[in-house]
Amino acid sequence: MKKITLILIGIFVMVGGCSKYEIQEIKPIDFGVKSVLTSIKSINQTGNIVTVVFETTVGAKYSVQITPFGSETPVKKEGFTATESTTQKVYDLSNLSKKDYDLTFIDIYGKEVKYPIVIK
């Protein structure tokens, strides 16, 4: 029985070794332009609507995350590539629970800026 098993394994290895495999070209990940500016220029909250103006680098990639205070898991997140030196975003947070949150602005290289938000 062991001989038959070894023979079958040998056949599978030989057949697999003779098969043609298509090698796919590996495409590099586009990290965008290296960010020079990663900051919050202004933030305005009217009720549950938050308007944020970010200072950004054109062509750089960023992420915005809204996380409950004391938690590591964001309840809202968005990524974008900057097209201007200032980027304005409006967030409707009316569907979130009434509590404290952190708005975190992060560039692709890990530089982050946090700002507290209170949903009443």
Protein backbone atom coordinates (compact mmCIF):
# COMPACT_ATOMS: atom_id res chain seq x y z
CA MET A 1 0.00 0.00 0.00
CA LYS A 2 2.86 2.38 0.85
CA LYS A 3 4.52 1.67 -2.51
CA ILE A 4 1.35 2.53 -4.41
CA THR A 5 0.99 5.78 -2.45
CA LEU A 6 4.62 6.72 -3.17
CA ILE A 7 4.21 5.91 -6.86
CA LEU A 8 1.05 8.05 -7.09
CA ILE A 9 2.78 10.97 -5.33
CA GLY A 10 5.72 10.62 -7.74
CA ILE A 11 3.38 10.69 -10.76
CA PHE A 12 1.62 13.84 -9.47
CA VAL A 13 4.95 15.57 -8.90
CA MET A 14 6.21 14.67 -12.39
CA VAL A 15 2.98 15.74 -14.08
CA GLY A 16 2.88 18.98 -12.08
CA GLY A 17 6.52 19.67 -12.94
CA CYS A 18 5.84 19.27 -16.66
CA SER A 19 2.85 21.61 -16.70
CA LYS A 20 3.23 25.10 -18.06
CA TYR A 21 2.58 27.93 -15.64
CA GLU A 22 1.82 31.42 -16.80
CA ILE A 23 3.88 33.98 -14.93
CA GLN A 24 2.01 37.19 -14.38
CA GLU A 25 3.75 40.52 -14.32
CA ILE A 26 3.81 42.04 -10.85
CA LYS A 27 2.62 45.62 -10.93
CA PRO A 28 4.11 47.99 -8.36
CA ILE A 29 1.76 49.57 -5.83
CA ASP A 30 1.11 53.24 -6.52
CA PHE A 31 1.75 55.13 -3.29
CA GLY A 32 1.29 58.48 -5.01
CA VAL A 33 3.51 61.48 -4.47
CA LYS A 34 5.34 61.77 -1.14
CA SER A 35 3.23 64.04 1.03
CA VAL A 36 4.81 67.27 2.26
CA LEU A 37 1.67 68.58 3.97
CA THR A 38 -0.55 66.49 6.22
CA SER A 39 -2.53 68.76 8.50
CA ILE A 40 -6.02 69.95 9.36
CA LYS A 41 -6.35 73.60 8.37
CA SER A 42 -9.84 74.07 9.81
CA ILE A 43 -12.74 72.07 11.12
CA ASN A 44 -16.34 73.23 11.58
CA GLN A 45 -19.10 71.20 13.16
CA THR A 46 -22.74 72.21 12.79
CA GLY A 47 -24.86 69.61 14.54
CA ASN A 48 -23.80 66.27 13.08
CA ILE A 49 -22.31 67.75 9.89
CA VAL A 50 -18.53 68.16 10.04
CA THR A 51 -16.70 70.21 7.40
CA VAL A 52 -12.93 69.76 7.35
CA VAL A 53 -10.31 71.58 5.29
CA PHE A 54 -7.08 69.58 4.99
CA GLU A 55 -3.69 70.89 3.89
CA THR A 56 -2.50 68.34 1.35
CA THR A 57 0.14 67.67 -1.28
CA VAL A 58 -1.16 67.35 -4.85
CA GLY A 59 -0.89 63.72 -5.95
CA ALA A 60 -0.41 62.33 -2.42
CA LYS A 61 -2.78 59.72 -0.97
CA TYR A 62 -4.58 60.18 2.33
CA SER A 63 -7.08 58.46 4.61
CA VAL A 64 -9.67 59.94 6.97
CA GLN A 65 -11.07 57.76 9.75
CA ILE A 66 -13.76 58.44 12.33
CA THR A 67 -13.22 56.25 15.40
CA PRO A 68 -15.13 56.09 18.69
CA PHE A 69 -12.96 57.45 21.50
CA GLY A 70 -10.98 54.62 23.11
CA SER A 71 -11.55 52.24 20.19
CA GLU A 72 -9.23 51.07 17.43
CA THR A 73 -11.94 50.22 14.89
CA PRO A 74 -13.14 53.09 12.66
CA VAL A 75 -16.88 53.44 12.08
CA LYS A 76 -16.31 55.55 8.96
CA LYS A 77 -13.29 55.76 6.68
CA GLU A 78 -12.44 57.30 3.34
CA GLY A 79 -9.34 57.38 1.20
CA PHE A 80 -8.54 60.01 -1.40
CA THR A 81 -5.78 61.37 -3.62
CA ALA A 82 -5.27 65.12 -3.25
CA THR A 83 -5.86 67.21 -6.37
CA GLU A 84 -5.22 70.59 -4.73
CA SER A 85 -3.11 72.01 -1.90
CA THR A 86 -6.24 72.27 0.27
CA THR A 87 -8.94 69.64 0.24
CA GLN A 88 -12.39 70.20 1.74
CA LYS A 89 -14.51 67.26 2.86
CA VAL A 90 -17.99 67.23 4.41
CA TYR A 91 -19.01 64.33 6.65
CA ASP A 92 -22.61 63.64 7.69
CA LEU A 93 -22.29 61.83 11.01
CA SER A 94 -26.01 61.77 11.86
CA ASN A 95 -26.09 57.96 11.65
CA LEU A 96 -23.48 57.59 14.43
CA SER A 97 -24.26 57.05 18.12
CA LYS A 98 -24.14 60.04 20.43
CA LYS A 99 -20.64 59.93 21.93
CA ASP A 100 -17.07 61.19 21.51
CA TYR A 101 -15.07 60.36 18.38
CA ASP A 102 -11.63 61.00 16.94
CA LEU A 103 -11.25 62.22 13.37
CA THR A 104 -7.86 60.93 12.20
CA PHE A 105 -6.18 62.28 9.06
CA ILE A 106 -3.35 60.02 7.82
CA ASP A 107 -0.96 60.15 4.87
CA ILE A 108 0.38 57.05 3.13
CA TYR A 109 3.63 57.23 5.12
CA GLY A 110 1.88 57.06 8.50
CA LYS A 111 1.92 60.70 9.58
CA GLU A 112 -1.38 61.33 11.35
CA VAL A 113 -3.30 64.19 12.89
CA LYS A 114 -6.23 63.63 15.28
CA TYR A 115 -9.08 65.93 16.15
CA PRO A 116 -11.86 65.23 18.70
CA ILE A 117 -15.51 65.32 17.60
CA VAL A 118 -18.55 65.13 19.89
CA ILE A 119 -21.85 63.87 18.51
CA LYS A 120 -24.75 65.13 20.69
